[in-house]
Amino acid sequence: MKVKDVMSSPVITVDQHDTLWHVLQVFRANGFRHTIVTDLNDKALGMVSETDLLRVVPLEPGEQLEAQREALEKLQAQDIMQAMVNFRPDDDLSSLVQVFLTDRLDMAQVVDEKRRPVGIVTITDVLRALMKLLTEKEQE
């Protein structure tokens, strides 16, 4: 199985200069917890997750991230983005899973030969593929 068989595409990205408030709005509008950060040439630079937002903006118990708009508007995606391992669509899924296990990741970006994002793979995507394989095997 290849990475392209499980990746989500097309990818919604954020620019490295977008505020964290904008990133949060992208998450909320699309039901995401991760997004790829790109430069002005649309090259993948890294990733920002909802967990990253929570690390930089402490919340009181029961408080939502939206309550911290002012703090989120002062920081940009590039300020907190995490470096990511890049995968290509034709890479073996097993190599991606090995990186997930070894590095304790739950998301990977899929890029083309020019490092432009073409997909994203989360641990949920991998589990869906596994579930599909198990269901097919049970039906044999």
N, C-alpha and C. Protein backbone atom coordinates (compact mmCIF):
# COMPACT_ATOMS: atom_id res chain seq x y z
N MET A 1 0.85 -1.18 0.00
CA MET A 1 0.00 0.00 0.00
C MET A 1 0.90 1.25 0.00
N LYS A 2 0.48 2.25 -0.72
CA LYS A 2 1.24 3.49 -0.87
C LYS A 2 0.63 4.61 -0.03
N VAL A 3 1.43 5.62 0.24
CA VAL A 3 0.98 6.78 1.00
C VAL A 3 -0.23 7.41 0.31
N LYS A 4 -0.21 7.49 -1.02
CA LYS A 4 -1.31 8.12 -1.76
C LYS A 4 -2.64 7.40 -1.56
N ASP A 5 -2.59 6.12 -1.15
CA ASP A 5 -3.80 5.36 -0.95
C ASP A 5 -4.56 5.76 0.30
N VAL A 6 -3.90 6.42 1.24
CA VAL A 6 -4.55 6.79 2.50
C VAL A 6 -4.55 8.29 2.77
N MET A 7 -3.80 9.06 1.99
CA MET A 7 -3.67 10.50 2.29
C MET A 7 -4.97 11.25 1.99
N SER A 8 -5.17 12.32 2.75
CA SER A 8 -6.29 13.22 2.50
C SER A 8 -5.80 14.30 1.55
N SER A 9 -6.60 14.58 0.55
CA SER A 9 -6.23 15.58 -0.45
C SER A 9 -7.51 16.13 -1.05
N PRO A 10 -7.56 17.37 -1.47
CA PRO A 10 -6.51 18.38 -1.47
C PRO A 10 -6.23 18.88 -0.05
N VAL A 11 -5.14 19.59 0.08
CA VAL A 11 -4.68 20.08 1.38
C VAL A 11 -5.04 21.55 1.53
N ILE A 12 -5.56 21.89 2.69
CA ILE A 12 -5.75 23.30 3.03
C ILE A 12 -4.57 23.69 3.90
N THR A 13 -3.82 24.70 3.47
CA THR A 13 -2.61 25.10 4.18
C THR A 13 -2.78 26.50 4.75
N VAL A 14 -1.82 26.88 5.57
CA VAL A 14 -1.73 28.26 6.05
C VAL A 14 -0.36 28.78 5.68
N ASP A 15 -0.27 30.08 5.51
CA ASP A 15 0.99 30.74 5.20
C ASP A 15 1.80 30.92 6.48
N GLN A 16 3.11 30.90 6.35
CA GLN A 16 3.97 31.05 7.52
C GLN A 16 3.72 32.34 8.29
N HIS A 17 3.20 33.37 7.62
CA HIS A 17 2.96 34.67 8.26
C HIS A 17 1.53 34.83 8.79
N ASP A 18 0.67 33.81 8.58
CA ASP A 18 -0.69 33.88 9.12
C ASP A 18 -0.63 33.88 10.64
N THR A 19 -1.54 34.63 11.25
CA THR A 19 -1.60 34.64 12.72
C THR A 19 -2.15 33.32 13.23
N LEU A 20 -1.87 33.04 14.48
CA LEU A 20 -2.42 31.82 15.08
C LEU A 20 -3.93 31.91 15.21
N TRP A 21 -4.46 33.12 15.28
CA TRP A 21 -5.91 33.28 15.28
C TRP A 21 -6.48 32.78 13.95
N HIS A 22 -5.82 33.15 12.84
CA HIS A 22 -6.26 32.66 11.52
C HIS A 22 -6.15 31.13 11.46
N VAL A 23 -5.06 30.59 11.98
CA VAL A 23 -4.88 29.13 11.99
C VAL A 23 -6.03 28.47 12.75
N LEU A 24 -6.39 29.02 13.90
CA LEU A 24 -7.50 28.48 14.67
C LEU A 24 -8.80 28.52 13.86
N GLN A 25 -9.03 29.60 13.13
CA GLN A 25 -10.23 29.72 12.31
C GLN A 25 -10.24 28.64 11.21
N VAL A 26 -9.09 28.36 10.63
CA VAL A 26 -8.97 27.29 9.62
C VAL A 26 -9.32 25.95 10.25
N PHE A 27 -8.80 25.70 11.45
CA PHE A 27 -9.11 24.46 12.16
C PHE A 27 -10.62 24.33 12.37
N ARG A 28 -11.21 25.38 12.90
CA ARG A 28 -12.64 25.33 13.24
C ARG A 28 -13.52 25.19 11.99
N ALA A 29 -13.19 25.92 10.93
CA ALA A 29 -14.00 25.88 9.71
C ALA A 29 -13.95 24.53 9.01
N ASN A 30 -12.84 23.80 9.19
CA ASN A 30 -12.65 22.56 8.45
C ASN A 30 -12.63 21.30 9.32
N GLY A 31 -12.76 21.46 10.62
CA GLY A 31 -12.74 20.32 11.51
C GLY A 31 -11.36 19.68 11.63
N PHE A 32 -10.32 20.49 11.46
CA PHE A 32 -8.94 20.00 11.51
C PHE A 32 -8.35 20.13 12.90
N ARG A 33 -7.28 19.37 13.13
CA ARG A 33 -6.44 19.53 14.32
C ARG A 33 -5.00 19.79 13.92
N HIS A 34 -4.69 19.69 12.61
CA HIS A 34 -3.34 19.92 12.08
C HIS A 34 -3.47 20.65 10.75
N THR A 35 -2.44 21.40 10.40
CA THR A 35 -2.37 21.97 9.05
C THR A 35 -0.92 22.18 8.68
N ILE A 36 -0.67 22.17 7.38
CA ILE A 36 0.68 22.38 6.86
C ILE A 36 0.91 23.87 6.69
N VAL A 37 2.11 24.31 7.07
CA VAL A 37 2.53 25.70 6.93
C VAL A 37 3.40 25.80 5.68
N THR A 38 3.10 26.79 4.83
CA THR A 38 3.85 26.96 3.58
C THR A 38 4.48 28.34 3.52
N ASP A 39 5.45 28.46 2.59
CA ASP A 39 6.05 29.77 2.34
C ASP A 39 5.33 30.44 1.18
N LEU A 40 5.83 31.57 0.73
CA LEU A 40 5.18 32.32 -0.35
C LEU A 40 5.18 31.56 -1.68
N ASN A 41 6.07 30.58 -1.82
CA ASN A 41 6.13 29.77 -3.04
C ASN A 41 5.35 28.47 -2.90
N ASP A 42 4.54 28.37 -1.85
CA ASP A 42 3.71 27.20 -1.57
C ASP A 42 4.52 25.95 -1.24
N LYS A 43 5.75 26.12 -0.75
CA LYS A 43 6.55 24.99 -0.32
C LYS A 43 6.26 24.69 1.15
N ALA A 44 6.15 23.41 1.47
CA ALA A 44 5.87 22.99 2.83
C ALA A 44 7.06 23.28 3.73
N LEU A 45 6.78 23.97 4.82
CA LEU A 45 7.82 24.32 5.79
C LEU A 45 7.71 23.50 7.08
N GLY A 46 6.50 23.16 7.44
CA GLY A 46 6.28 22.45 8.68
C GLY A 46 4.80 22.30 8.95
N MET A 47 4.46 22.07 10.21
CA MET A 47 3.09 21.78 10.59
C MET A 47 2.76 22.49 11.89
N VAL A 48 1.50 22.89 12.02
CA VAL A 48 0.98 23.43 13.27
C VAL A 48 -0.22 22.58 13.66
N SER A 49 -0.28 22.25 14.94
CA SER A 49 -1.41 21.47 15.45
C SER A 49 -2.16 22.26 16.51
N GLU A 50 -3.35 21.80 16.81
CA GLU A 50 -4.12 22.44 17.88
C GLU A 50 -3.36 22.32 19.20
N THR A 51 -2.65 21.22 19.39
CA THR A 51 -1.83 21.05 20.60
C THR A 51 -0.75 22.12 20.68
N ASP A 52 -0.16 22.48 19.52
CA ASP A 52 0.84 23.55 19.51
C ASP A 52 0.23 24.87 19.98
N LEU A 53 -1.00 25.14 19.54
CA LEU A 53 -1.67 26.37 19.98
C LEU A 53 -1.86 26.36 21.50
N LEU A 54 -2.26 25.23 22.03
CA LEU A 54 -2.50 25.12 23.47
C LEU A 54 -1.21 25.27 24.28
N ARG A 55 -0.08 24.90 23.69
CA ARG A 55 1.21 25.05 24.38
C ARG A 55 1.60 26.51 24.56
N VAL A 56 1.25 27.34 23.57
CA VAL A 56 1.69 28.75 23.63
C VAL A 56 0.65 29.68 24.26
N VAL A 57 -0.57 29.22 24.37
CA VAL A 57 -1.63 30.05 24.96
C VAL A 57 -2.28 29.26 26.09
N PRO A 58 -1.80 29.47 27.31
CA PRO A 58 -2.38 28.72 28.44
C PRO A 58 -3.84 29.10 28.65
N LEU A 59 -4.64 28.10 28.95
CA LEU A 59 -6.07 28.32 29.17
C LEU A 59 -6.44 28.00 30.61
N GLU A 60 -7.43 28.72 31.10
CA GLU A 60 -8.02 28.41 32.40
C GLU A 60 -8.94 27.21 32.21
N PRO A 61 -9.21 26.44 33.27
CA PRO A 61 -10.12 25.31 33.13
C PRO A 61 -11.45 25.73 32.52
N GLY A 62 -11.88 25.03 31.49
CA GLY A 62 -13.14 25.31 30.82
C GLY A 62 -13.07 26.41 29.78
N GLU A 63 -11.95 27.11 29.69
CA GLU A 63 -11.80 28.20 28.74
C GLU A 63 -11.50 27.64 27.34
N GLN A 64 -12.04 28.27 26.32
CA GLN A 64 -11.81 27.86 24.94
C GLN A 64 -10.72 28.73 24.32
N LEU A 65 -10.06 28.21 23.30
CA LEU A 65 -9.01 28.97 22.61
C LEU A 65 -9.51 30.31 22.08
N GLU A 66 -10.78 30.37 21.69
CA GLU A 66 -11.33 31.61 21.15
C GLU A 66 -11.23 32.76 22.15
N ALA A 67 -11.21 32.44 23.45
CA ALA A 67 -11.11 33.47 24.49
C ALA A 67 -9.73 34.13 24.49
N GLN A 68 -8.77 33.56 23.80
CA GLN A 68 -7.41 34.07 23.78
C GLN A 68 -7.08 34.74 22.44
N ARG A 69 -8.09 35.34 21.81
CA ARG A 69 -7.89 35.93 20.48
C ARG A 69 -6.72 36.90 20.44
N GLU A 70 -6.63 37.79 21.41
CA GLU A 70 -5.58 38.81 21.40
C GLU A 70 -4.18 38.16 21.38
N ALA A 71 -3.98 37.16 22.21
CA ALA A 71 -2.68 36.48 22.26
C ALA A 71 -2.41 35.74 20.95
N LEU A 72 -3.44 35.12 20.38
CA LEU A 72 -3.28 34.37 19.13
C LEU A 72 -3.01 35.28 17.94
N GLU A 73 -3.46 36.52 18.01
CA GLU A 73 -3.21 37.46 16.91
C GLU A 73 -1.79 38.03 16.94
N LYS A 74 -1.07 37.85 18.03
CA LYS A 74 0.29 38.39 18.14
C LYS A 74 1.35 37.43 17.61
N LEU A 75 0.99 36.17 17.42
CA LEU A 75 1.95 35.17 16.96
C LEU A 75 1.59 34.68 15.57
N GLN A 76 2.61 34.26 14.84
CA GLN A 76 2.41 33.74 13.48
C GLN A 76 2.66 32.23 13.47
N ALA A 77 2.15 31.59 12.43
CA ALA A 77 2.32 30.14 12.28
C ALA A 77 3.80 29.75 12.34
N GLN A 78 4.66 30.54 11.71
CA GLN A 78 6.09 30.22 11.70
C GLN A 78 6.71 30.25 13.09
N ASP A 79 6.08 30.94 14.04
CA ASP A 79 6.61 31.04 15.39
C ASP A 79 6.51 29.73 16.17
N ILE A 80 5.55 28.90 15.81
CA ILE A 80 5.34 27.68 16.60
C ILE A 80 5.33 26.41 15.76
N MET A 81 5.50 26.53 14.45
CA MET A 81 5.41 25.33 13.59
C MET A 81 6.49 24.33 13.95
N GLN A 82 6.15 23.08 13.73
CA GLN A 82 7.07 21.97 13.98
C GLN A 82 7.61 21.46 12.65
N ALA A 83 8.88 21.09 12.64
CA ALA A 83 9.45 20.47 11.43
C ALA A 83 8.79 19.11 11.22
N MET A 84 8.63 18.74 9.95
CA MET A 84 7.97 17.47 9.64
C MET A 84 8.82 16.65 8.68
N VAL A 85 8.65 15.35 8.75
CA VAL A 85 9.24 14.46 7.77
C VAL A 85 8.35 14.51 6.53
N ASN A 86 8.95 14.68 5.37
CA ASN A 86 8.18 14.72 4.13
C ASN A 86 8.09 13.34 3.52
N PHE A 87 6.92 13.00 3.02
CA PHE A 87 6.72 11.77 2.28
C PHE A 87 6.21 12.12 0.90
N ARG A 88 6.45 11.24 -0.04
CA ARG A 88 5.97 11.38 -1.41
C ARG A 88 4.78 10.44 -1.59
N PRO A 89 3.87 10.74 -2.50
CA PRO A 89 2.69 9.90 -2.70
C PRO A 89 3.01 8.43 -2.98
N ASP A 90 4.11 8.16 -3.67
CA ASP A 90 4.44 6.78 -4.03
C ASP A 90 5.30 6.05 -3.00
N ASP A 91 5.58 6.70 -1.86
CA ASP A 91 6.32 6.01 -0.80
C ASP A 91 5.45 4.89 -0.23
N ASP A 92 6.10 3.85 0.26
CA ASP A 92 5.37 2.76 0.92
C ASP A 92 4.77 3.25 2.22
N LEU A 93 3.52 2.90 2.46
CA LEU A 93 2.85 3.29 3.69
C LEU A 93 3.58 2.73 4.91
N SER A 94 4.19 1.57 4.76
CA SER A 94 4.90 0.97 5.89
C SER A 94 6.04 1.87 6.37
N SER A 95 6.70 2.59 5.48
CA SER A 95 7.77 3.49 5.91
C SER A 95 7.21 4.66 6.71
N LEU A 96 6.06 5.15 6.32
CA LEU A 96 5.40 6.23 7.07
C LEU A 96 4.99 5.73 8.45
N VAL A 97 4.40 4.55 8.51
CA VAL A 97 3.97 3.99 9.80
C VAL A 97 5.18 3.79 10.71
N GLN A 98 6.29 3.34 10.14
CA GLN A 98 7.50 3.15 10.95
C GLN A 98 7.95 4.48 11.57
N VAL A 99 7.89 5.55 10.81
CA VAL A 99 8.25 6.86 11.34
C VAL A 99 7.25 7.29 12.42
N PHE A 100 5.96 7.04 12.20
CA PHE A 100 4.96 7.35 13.22
C PHE A 100 5.31 6.65 14.53
N LEU A 101 5.66 5.37 14.43
CA LEU A 101 5.96 4.59 15.63
C LEU A 101 7.27 5.01 16.29
N THR A 102 8.30 5.20 15.49
CA THR A 102 9.62 5.54 16.01
C THR A 102 9.65 6.94 16.61
N ASP A 103 9.06 7.90 15.90
CA ASP A 103 9.12 9.30 16.33
C ASP A 103 7.89 9.76 17.09
N ARG A 104 6.94 8.85 17.30
CA ARG A 104 5.70 9.14 18.03
C ARG A 104 4.93 10.30 17.39
N LEU A 105 4.81 10.25 16.08
CA LEU A 105 4.07 11.26 15.33
C LEU A 105 2.64 10.81 15.10
N ASP A 106 1.77 11.77 14.83
CA ASP A 106 0.40 11.41 14.46
C ASP A 106 -0.06 12.10 13.18
N MET A 107 0.91 12.72 12.47
CA MET A 107 0.60 13.40 11.22
C MET A 107 1.85 13.51 10.38
N ALA A 108 1.68 13.39 9.06
CA ALA A 108 2.80 13.57 8.13
C ALA A 108 2.30 14.34 6.92
N GLN A 109 3.18 15.14 6.36
CA GLN A 109 2.82 15.87 5.15
C GLN A 109 3.33 15.11 3.93
N VAL A 110 2.54 15.17 2.86
CA VAL A 110 2.89 14.52 1.61
C VAL A 110 3.13 15.63 0.60
N VAL A 111 4.32 15.60 -0.02
CA VAL A 111 4.72 16.68 -0.92
C VAL A 111 5.12 16.13 -2.28
N ASP A 112 5.08 17.02 -3.29
CA ASP A 112 5.55 16.65 -4.61
C ASP A 112 7.05 16.91 -4.72
N GLU A 113 7.60 16.77 -5.92
CA GLU A 113 9.05 16.92 -6.12
C GLU A 113 9.55 18.34 -5.84
N LYS A 114 8.64 19.31 -5.82
CA LYS A 114 9.02 20.70 -5.52
C LYS A 114 8.69 21.09 -4.08
N ARG A 115 8.39 20.10 -3.25
CA ARG A 115 8.04 20.27 -1.84
C ARG A 115 6.72 21.01 -1.63
N ARG A 116 5.84 20.97 -2.63
CA ARG A 116 4.51 21.56 -2.47
C ARG A 116 3.59 20.51 -1.87
N PRO A 117 2.77 20.89 -0.90
CA PRO A 117 1.88 19.92 -0.26
C PRO A 117 0.84 19.36 -1.23
N VAL A 118 0.71 18.06 -1.25
CA VAL A 118 -0.31 17.41 -2.08
C VAL A 118 -1.24 16.55 -1.24
N GLY A 119 -0.89 16.35 0.03
CA GLY A 119 -1.72 15.53 0.90
C GLY A 119 -1.24 15.58 2.33
N ILE A 120 -2.03 14.97 3.18
CA ILE A 120 -1.71 14.86 4.59
C ILE A 120 -2.16 13.48 5.04
N VAL A 121 -1.39 12.86 5.91
CA VAL A 121 -1.76 11.56 6.47
C VAL A 121 -1.73 11.69 7.98
N THR A 122 -2.82 11.33 8.62
CA THR A 122 -2.89 11.32 10.07
C THR A 122 -2.98 9.88 10.55
N ILE A 123 -2.79 9.70 11.83
CA ILE A 123 -2.91 8.37 12.42
C ILE A 123 -4.32 7.82 12.17
N THR A 124 -5.31 8.70 12.13
CA THR A 124 -6.68 8.28 11.86
C THR A 124 -6.79 7.71 10.45
N ASP A 125 -6.12 8.32 9.47
CA ASP A 125 -6.12 7.80 8.10
C ASP A 125 -5.52 6.40 8.05
N VAL A 126 -4.44 6.19 8.79
CA VAL A 126 -3.79 4.88 8.83
C VAL A 126 -4.72 3.85 9.47
N LEU A 127 -5.38 4.23 10.55
CA LEU A 127 -6.31 3.30 11.21
C LEU A 127 -7.50 2.97 10.31
N ARG A 128 -8.00 3.94 9.55
CA ARG A 128 -9.09 3.66 8.60
C ARG A 128 -8.66 2.63 7.56
N ALA A 129 -7.44 2.79 7.05
CA ALA A 129 -6.92 1.85 6.05
C ALA A 129 -6.78 0.46 6.66
N LEU A 130 -6.30 0.39 7.90
CA LEU A 130 -6.17 -0.90 8.58
C LEU A 130 -7.54 -1.53 8.79
N MET A 131 -8.50 -0.73 9.20
CA MET A 131 -9.86 -1.24 9.40
C MET A 131 -10.44 -1.80 8.10
N LYS A 132 -10.21 -1.09 7.01
CA LYS A 132 -10.70 -1.55 5.71
C LYS A 132 -10.07 -2.90 5.35
N LEU A 133 -8.75 -3.02 5.56
CA LEU A 133 -8.07 -4.28 5.27
C LEU A 133 -8.59 -5.42 6.15
N LEU A 134 -8.81 -5.15 7.42
CA LEU A 134 -9.31 -6.18 8.33
C LEU A 134 -10.72 -6.60 7.95
N THR A 135 -11.56 -5.65 7.59
CA THR A 135 -12.93 -5.96 7.18
C THR A 135 -12.92 -6.80 5.91
N GLU A 136 -12.11 -6.43 4.95
CA GLU A 136 -12.01 -7.21 3.71
C GLU A 136 -11.52 -8.61 3.98
N LYS A 137 -10.56 -8.77 4.88
CA LYS A 137 -10.02 -10.09 5.20
C LYS A 137 -11.08 -10.96 5.87
N GLU A 138 -11.87 -10.36 6.77
CA GLU A 138 -12.94 -11.10 7.45
C GLU A 138 -14.00 -11.57 6.48
N GLN A 139 -14.21 -10.84 5.40
CA GLN A 139 -15.26 -11.19 4.43
C GLN A 139 -14.81 -12.27 3.45
N GLU A 140 -13.53 -12.62 3.48
CA GLU A 140 -13.01 -13.66 2.56
C GLU A 140 -13.46 -15.03 2.97
